[in-house]
Amino acid sequence: MKENKRPLILITNDDGISAEGIHKLADFVSDMGEVIVAAPDGPRSGFSTAITAETPLRVRALPDYNGMRMNAINGTPADCVKLTLNLLARDNRRPDIVISGINHGANTGNSTVYSGTMGAALEGALQGIPSVGFSLLSHRPAAGDFDAARDYIRRIVKKVLAQGLPDWVCLNVNIPYGMEIKGMTMAKSCIGRWSEEYAEYTDPAGRKFYMLTGKYENLEPENKETDLYHLSQGMISIVPVHAFRDYEGNLPDFTV
């Protein structure tokens, strides 16, 4: 944290600048530092850590929200982090934390690989900035549905600002929905896979098209250390995610 200065908090998401979740997240931490919101100008779910290379990026300044700067960017969540860091660097400024969300829907198990919410947090980690992604287990939450997690989110952000995170590590935080929150705990990503991922339809012209759907199959339902298990028990799950994702187990010897 910069000495004798309020922390600089960069907030983004993948649901877009107009989403309820990002406004709630900004409200929850508004008194904890100087807040800048830079988010996609529309939904970018499933973009993971994708970046834009061939399309010009544009920043559109929106009216301040409760005193916080709001910028809409025509790129991905990772673009929002990278471009904002570049613009801040011109004034010799650097965020003390990047927080992403609150996502409308879960980012558990292998969804971390696809998630734009976590893509932004991973980009922050790659840039050496402590970063956290927050998600609520509802795709259509009402405004008040986020409020039960307010104090927990503030505790996490406060601790990360004070203590930081290990190099290249960010946090994936999922929040239960439709039940009382009993607390929060460290967890592991549930091992599983998506099945029946595409539904086939026919348009009025008789042409086939496909829409992403499917069901997540938990391959370790008895494991009481996973995010899915803890969430089913009413606990907020906190999963540390390493940006480089190196595997250290046994593999065939490919050296010559």
Protein backbone atom coordinates (compact mmCIF):
# COMPACT_ATOMS: atom_id res chain seq x y z
CA MET A 1 0.00 0.00 0.00
CA LYS A 2 1.32 3.41 -0.94
CA GLU A 3 2.62 5.23 2.12
CA ASN A 4 0.52 8.19 3.33
CA LYS A 5 -1.99 7.69 0.50
CA ARG A 6 -5.40 6.11 0.30
CA PRO A 7 -5.34 2.76 -1.49
CA LEU A 8 -6.19 2.87 -5.18
CA ILE A 9 -8.85 0.24 -5.96
CA LEU A 10 -9.53 -0.83 -9.56
CA ILE A 11 -12.88 -2.55 -10.10
CA THR A 12 -13.97 -4.42 -13.23
CA ASN A 13 -16.25 -7.31 -14.23
CA ASP A 14 -17.46 -9.39 -17.17
CA ASP A 15 -21.19 -8.58 -16.95
CA GLY A 16 -20.64 -5.05 -18.17
CA ILE A 17 -20.54 -1.56 -16.72
CA SER A 18 -24.33 -1.45 -16.26
CA ALA A 19 -24.56 -4.65 -14.18
CA GLU A 20 -25.96 -4.44 -10.67
CA GLY A 21 -23.12 -6.52 -9.24
CA ILE A 22 -20.36 -4.07 -10.12
CA HIS A 23 -22.29 -1.15 -8.63
CA LYS A 24 -22.81 -3.10 -5.41
CA LEU A 25 -19.13 -4.03 -5.25
CA ALA A 26 -18.16 -0.39 -5.72
CA ASP A 27 -20.56 0.67 -2.98
CA PHE A 28 -19.22 -1.96 -0.57
CA VAL A 29 -15.61 -0.70 -0.79
CA SER A 30 -16.13 2.99 -1.60
CA ASP A 31 -14.85 4.15 1.78
CA MET A 32 -11.75 1.93 1.69
CA GLY A 33 -9.79 3.95 -0.86
CA GLU A 34 -9.99 5.80 -4.14
CA VAL A 35 -12.11 3.69 -6.48
CA ILE A 36 -11.87 3.59 -10.26
CA VAL A 37 -14.35 1.42 -12.18
CA ALA A 38 -13.28 0.30 -15.66
CA ALA A 39 -15.51 -2.39 -17.16
CA PRO A 40 -16.66 -3.69 -20.55
CA ASP A 41 -19.37 -1.67 -22.26
CA GLY A 42 -21.51 -4.80 -22.45
CA PRO A 43 -21.56 -8.44 -21.28
CA ARG A 44 -18.31 -10.36 -21.84
CA SER A 45 -18.95 -13.60 -19.93
CA GLY A 46 -16.77 -16.52 -20.95
CA PHE A 47 -13.93 -14.38 -22.32
CA SER A 48 -11.44 -15.74 -19.76
CA THR A 49 -8.10 -13.89 -20.16
CA ALA A 50 -8.70 -12.98 -23.82
CA ILE A 51 -7.27 -9.68 -25.00
CA THR A 52 -8.09 -7.55 -28.03
CA ALA A 53 -5.29 -7.24 -30.57
CA GLU A 54 -6.83 -6.12 -33.88
CA THR A 55 -9.68 -3.81 -32.86
CA PRO A 56 -9.03 -0.29 -31.52
CA LEU A 57 -9.95 0.03 -27.86
CA ARG A 58 -11.93 3.06 -26.80
CA VAL A 59 -12.61 4.41 -23.31
CA ARG A 60 -15.91 6.16 -22.68
CA ALA A 61 -16.08 8.19 -19.49
CA LEU A 62 -19.47 7.89 -17.80
CA PRO A 63 -20.92 10.13 -15.08
CA ASP A 64 -19.36 9.45 -11.69
CA TYR A 65 -21.21 6.93 -9.54
CA ASN A 66 -21.40 8.02 -5.90
CA GLY A 67 -18.16 9.94 -6.42
CA MET A 68 -16.36 7.08 -8.15
CA ARG A 69 -14.94 7.33 -11.68
CA MET A 70 -16.73 5.10 -14.22
CA ASN A 71 -15.22 4.09 -17.56
CA ALA A 72 -16.75 1.82 -20.20
CA ILE A 73 -14.32 0.03 -22.53
CA ASN A 74 -15.21 -1.84 -25.73
CA GLY A 75 -12.97 -4.77 -24.84
CA THR A 76 -12.66 -7.80 -22.61
CA PRO A 77 -12.29 -7.86 -18.82
CA ALA A 78 -8.55 -8.45 -19.20
CA ASP A 79 -8.39 -5.52 -21.65
CA CYS A 80 -10.01 -3.32 -19.02
CA VAL A 81 -7.29 -4.16 -16.52
CA LYS A 82 -4.39 -3.87 -18.97
CA LEU A 83 -5.54 -0.62 -20.58
CA THR A 84 -6.40 1.07 -17.27
CA LEU A 85 -3.00 0.13 -15.84
CA ASN A 86 -1.36 1.64 -18.91
CA LEU A 87 -3.32 4.87 -18.59
CA LEU A 88 -2.65 5.12 -14.84
CA ALA A 89 1.06 4.53 -15.42
CA ARG A 90 1.23 7.79 -17.33
CA ASP A 91 0.59 9.53 -14.00
CA ASN A 92 2.94 7.17 -12.14
CA ARG A 93 -0.02 5.49 -10.47
CA ARG A 94 -0.67 1.82 -9.86
CA PRO A 95 -3.65 0.14 -8.16
CA ASP A 96 -3.11 -1.47 -4.79
CA ILE A 97 -5.76 -4.08 -5.59
CA VAL A 98 -7.87 -5.26 -8.53
CA ILE A 99 -11.32 -6.61 -7.69
CA SER A 100 -13.67 -8.17 -10.24
CA GLY A 101 -17.41 -8.78 -9.99
CA ILE A 102 -19.70 -9.24 -8.31
CA ASN A 103 -20.43 -11.76 -11.06
CA HIS A 104 -24.02 -12.75 -11.79
CA GLY A 105 -23.57 -16.53 -11.53
CA ALA A 106 -21.12 -19.03 -10.09
CA ASN A 107 -17.46 -19.39 -11.03
CA THR A 108 -16.80 -22.72 -9.36
CA GLY A 109 -14.90 -25.81 -10.48
CA ASN A 110 -13.49 -25.53 -13.98
CA SER A 111 -15.51 -22.38 -14.69
CA THR A 112 -12.41 -20.52 -13.52
CA VAL A 113 -10.82 -21.44 -16.86
CA TYR A 114 -13.62 -19.79 -18.86
CA SER A 115 -14.64 -16.94 -16.58
CA GLY A 116 -14.13 -13.35 -17.65
CA THR A 117 -14.51 -12.36 -14.00
CA MET A 118 -11.53 -14.48 -13.11
CA GLY A 119 -9.75 -13.53 -16.33
CA ALA A 120 -9.58 -9.97 -15.00
CA ALA A 121 -8.32 -11.17 -11.61
CA LEU A 122 -5.69 -13.35 -13.29
CA GLU A 123 -4.56 -10.39 -15.39
CA GLY A 124 -4.14 -8.40 -12.20
CA ALA A 125 -2.06 -11.23 -10.72
CA LEU A 126 0.07 -11.39 -13.86
CA GLN A 127 0.74 -7.66 -13.41
CA GLY A 128 1.87 -8.25 -9.83
CA ILE A 129 -1.21 -6.70 -8.23
CA PRO A 130 -3.19 -8.51 -5.49
CA SER A 131 -6.49 -9.41 -7.15
CA VAL A 132 -9.82 -10.98 -6.19
CA GLY A 133 -12.81 -12.16 -8.21
CA PHE A 134 -16.25 -12.26 -6.55
CA SER A 135 -19.25 -14.24 -7.80
CA LEU A 136 -22.80 -14.80 -6.51
CA LEU A 137 -24.50 -18.12 -7.26
CA SER A 138 -27.43 -16.56 -9.10
CA HIS A 139 -27.64 -15.48 -12.75
CA ARG A 140 -30.57 -13.14 -12.09
CA PRO A 141 -30.03 -11.61 -8.66
CA ALA A 142 -32.04 -8.67 -7.45
CA ALA A 143 -30.20 -5.67 -6.04
CA GLY A 144 -30.67 -6.74 -2.43
CA ASP A 145 -29.35 -10.25 -3.03
CA PHE A 146 -25.75 -9.01 -2.89
CA ASP A 147 -26.10 -7.29 0.46
CA ALA A 148 -25.74 -10.39 2.67
CA ALA A 149 -22.13 -10.73 1.50
CA ARG A 150 -21.18 -7.09 2.08
CA ASP A 151 -19.27 -7.53 5.33
CA TYR A 152 -17.47 -10.64 4.09
CA ILE A 153 -16.38 -8.88 0.91
CA ARG A 154 -15.12 -5.93 2.93
CA ARG A 155 -13.14 -8.26 5.23
CA ILE A 156 -11.48 -9.95 2.27
CA VAL A 157 -10.59 -6.68 0.54
CA LYS A 158 -9.31 -5.16 3.78
CA LYS A 159 -7.08 -8.15 4.50
CA VAL A 160 -5.69 -8.29 0.96
CA LEU A 161 -4.93 -4.56 1.06
CA ALA A 162 -3.13 -4.99 4.39
CA GLN A 163 -1.29 -8.26 3.76
CA GLY A 164 -1.19 -8.72 -0.02
CA LEU A 165 -1.16 -12.11 -1.74
CA PRO A 166 1.64 -14.44 -2.87
CA ASP A 167 3.20 -13.64 -6.24
CA TRP A 168 1.03 -14.67 -9.24
CA VAL A 169 -1.86 -15.76 -7.01
CA CYS A 170 -5.37 -14.31 -7.03
CA LEU A 171 -8.52 -15.34 -5.14
CA ASN A 172 -11.70 -16.83 -6.56
CA VAL A 173 -14.51 -16.06 -4.11
CA ASN A 174 -17.97 -17.60 -4.57
CA ILE A 175 -20.99 -16.57 -2.50
CA PRO A 176 -23.98 -18.85 -1.73
CA TYR A 177 -27.44 -17.83 -2.89
CA GLY A 178 -30.86 -18.68 -1.50
CA MET A 179 -29.61 -19.60 1.97
CA GLU A 180 -28.12 -18.00 5.04
CA ILE A 181 -24.40 -17.31 4.79
CA LYS A 182 -22.73 -19.08 7.71
CA GLY A 183 -19.18 -17.86 7.18
CA MET A 184 -16.31 -18.23 4.73
CA THR A 185 -13.55 -20.78 4.26
CA MET A 186 -10.60 -21.68 2.05
CA ALA A 187 -11.42 -24.36 -0.52
CA LYS A 188 -10.23 -26.20 -3.62
CA SER A 189 -11.80 -26.03 -7.07
CA CYS A 190 -14.13 -28.96 -7.55
CA ILE A 191 -12.92 -31.34 -10.25
CA GLY A 192 -15.64 -31.88 -12.83
CA ARG A 193 -16.77 -31.28 -16.40
CA TRP A 194 -19.68 -29.91 -18.36
CA SER A 195 -21.96 -32.34 -20.20
CA GLU A 196 -24.57 -31.77 -22.94
CA GLU A 197 -23.03 -28.40 -23.62
CA TYR A 198 -24.94 -27.35 -26.78
CA ALA A 199 -28.64 -27.41 -27.58
CA GLU A 200 -29.66 -27.54 -31.25
CA TYR A 201 -32.42 -25.31 -32.64
CA THR A 202 -33.80 -24.37 -36.04
CA ASP A 203 -34.45 -20.77 -37.08
CA PRO A 204 -37.47 -19.67 -39.20
CA ALA A 205 -35.41 -20.14 -42.38
CA GLY A 206 -34.77 -23.77 -41.50
CA ARG A 207 -31.13 -23.28 -40.60
CA LYS A 208 -29.72 -25.03 -37.55
CA PHE A 209 -28.05 -23.10 -34.77
CA TYR A 210 -26.64 -24.01 -31.37
CA MET A 211 -26.80 -22.43 -27.91
CA LEU A 212 -24.47 -23.15 -25.03
CA THR A 213 -26.17 -25.05 -22.22
CA GLY A 214 -25.30 -28.10 -20.17
CA LYS A 215 -24.93 -29.33 -16.62
CA TYR A 216 -21.82 -29.44 -14.44
CA GLU A 217 -20.88 -32.95 -13.39
CA ASN A 218 -19.13 -33.09 -10.01
CA LEU A 219 -16.51 -35.84 -10.23
CA GLU A 220 -15.73 -35.77 -6.51
CA PRO A 221 -19.07 -35.37 -4.71
CA GLU A 222 -17.68 -36.87 -1.48
CA ASN A 223 -14.79 -34.41 -1.25
CA LYS A 224 -15.52 -31.99 1.58
CA GLU A 225 -12.67 -29.63 0.66
CA THR A 226 -14.16 -28.30 -2.59
CA ASP A 227 -15.87 -25.03 -3.36
CA LEU A 228 -19.10 -26.80 -4.34
CA TYR A 229 -19.26 -28.66 -1.04
CA HIS A 230 -18.67 -25.58 1.11
CA LEU A 231 -21.16 -23.54 -0.89
CA SER A 232 -23.80 -26.24 -0.39
CA GLN A 233 -23.24 -25.81 3.35
CA GLY A 234 -23.87 -22.06 3.23
CA MET A 235 -20.21 -21.07 3.31
CA ILE A 236 -18.46 -18.54 1.07
CA SER A 237 -15.65 -20.41 -0.69
CA ILE A 238 -12.23 -18.83 -1.26
CA VAL A 239 -10.01 -20.63 -3.79
CA PRO A 240 -6.45 -19.39 -4.45
CA VAL A 241 -5.66 -19.53 -8.17
CA HIS A 242 -2.13 -19.43 -9.60
CA ALA A 243 -1.80 -17.43 -12.80
CA PHE A 244 0.74 -19.78 -14.39
CA ARG A 245 -1.09 -23.03 -13.57
CA ASP A 246 2.06 -25.16 -13.84
CA TYR A 247 1.63 -28.87 -13.15
CA GLU A 248 4.14 -30.49 -10.84
CA GLY A 249 2.94 -34.10 -10.90
CA ASN A 250 4.32 -37.11 -12.77
CA LEU A 251 4.55 -36.97 -16.56
CA PRO A 252 6.36 -39.00 -19.23
CA ASP A 253 9.95 -37.89 -19.82
CA PHE A 254 9.93 -35.80 -23.00
CA THR A 255 13.58 -34.76 -22.80
CA VAL A 256 16.06 -36.04 -25.35
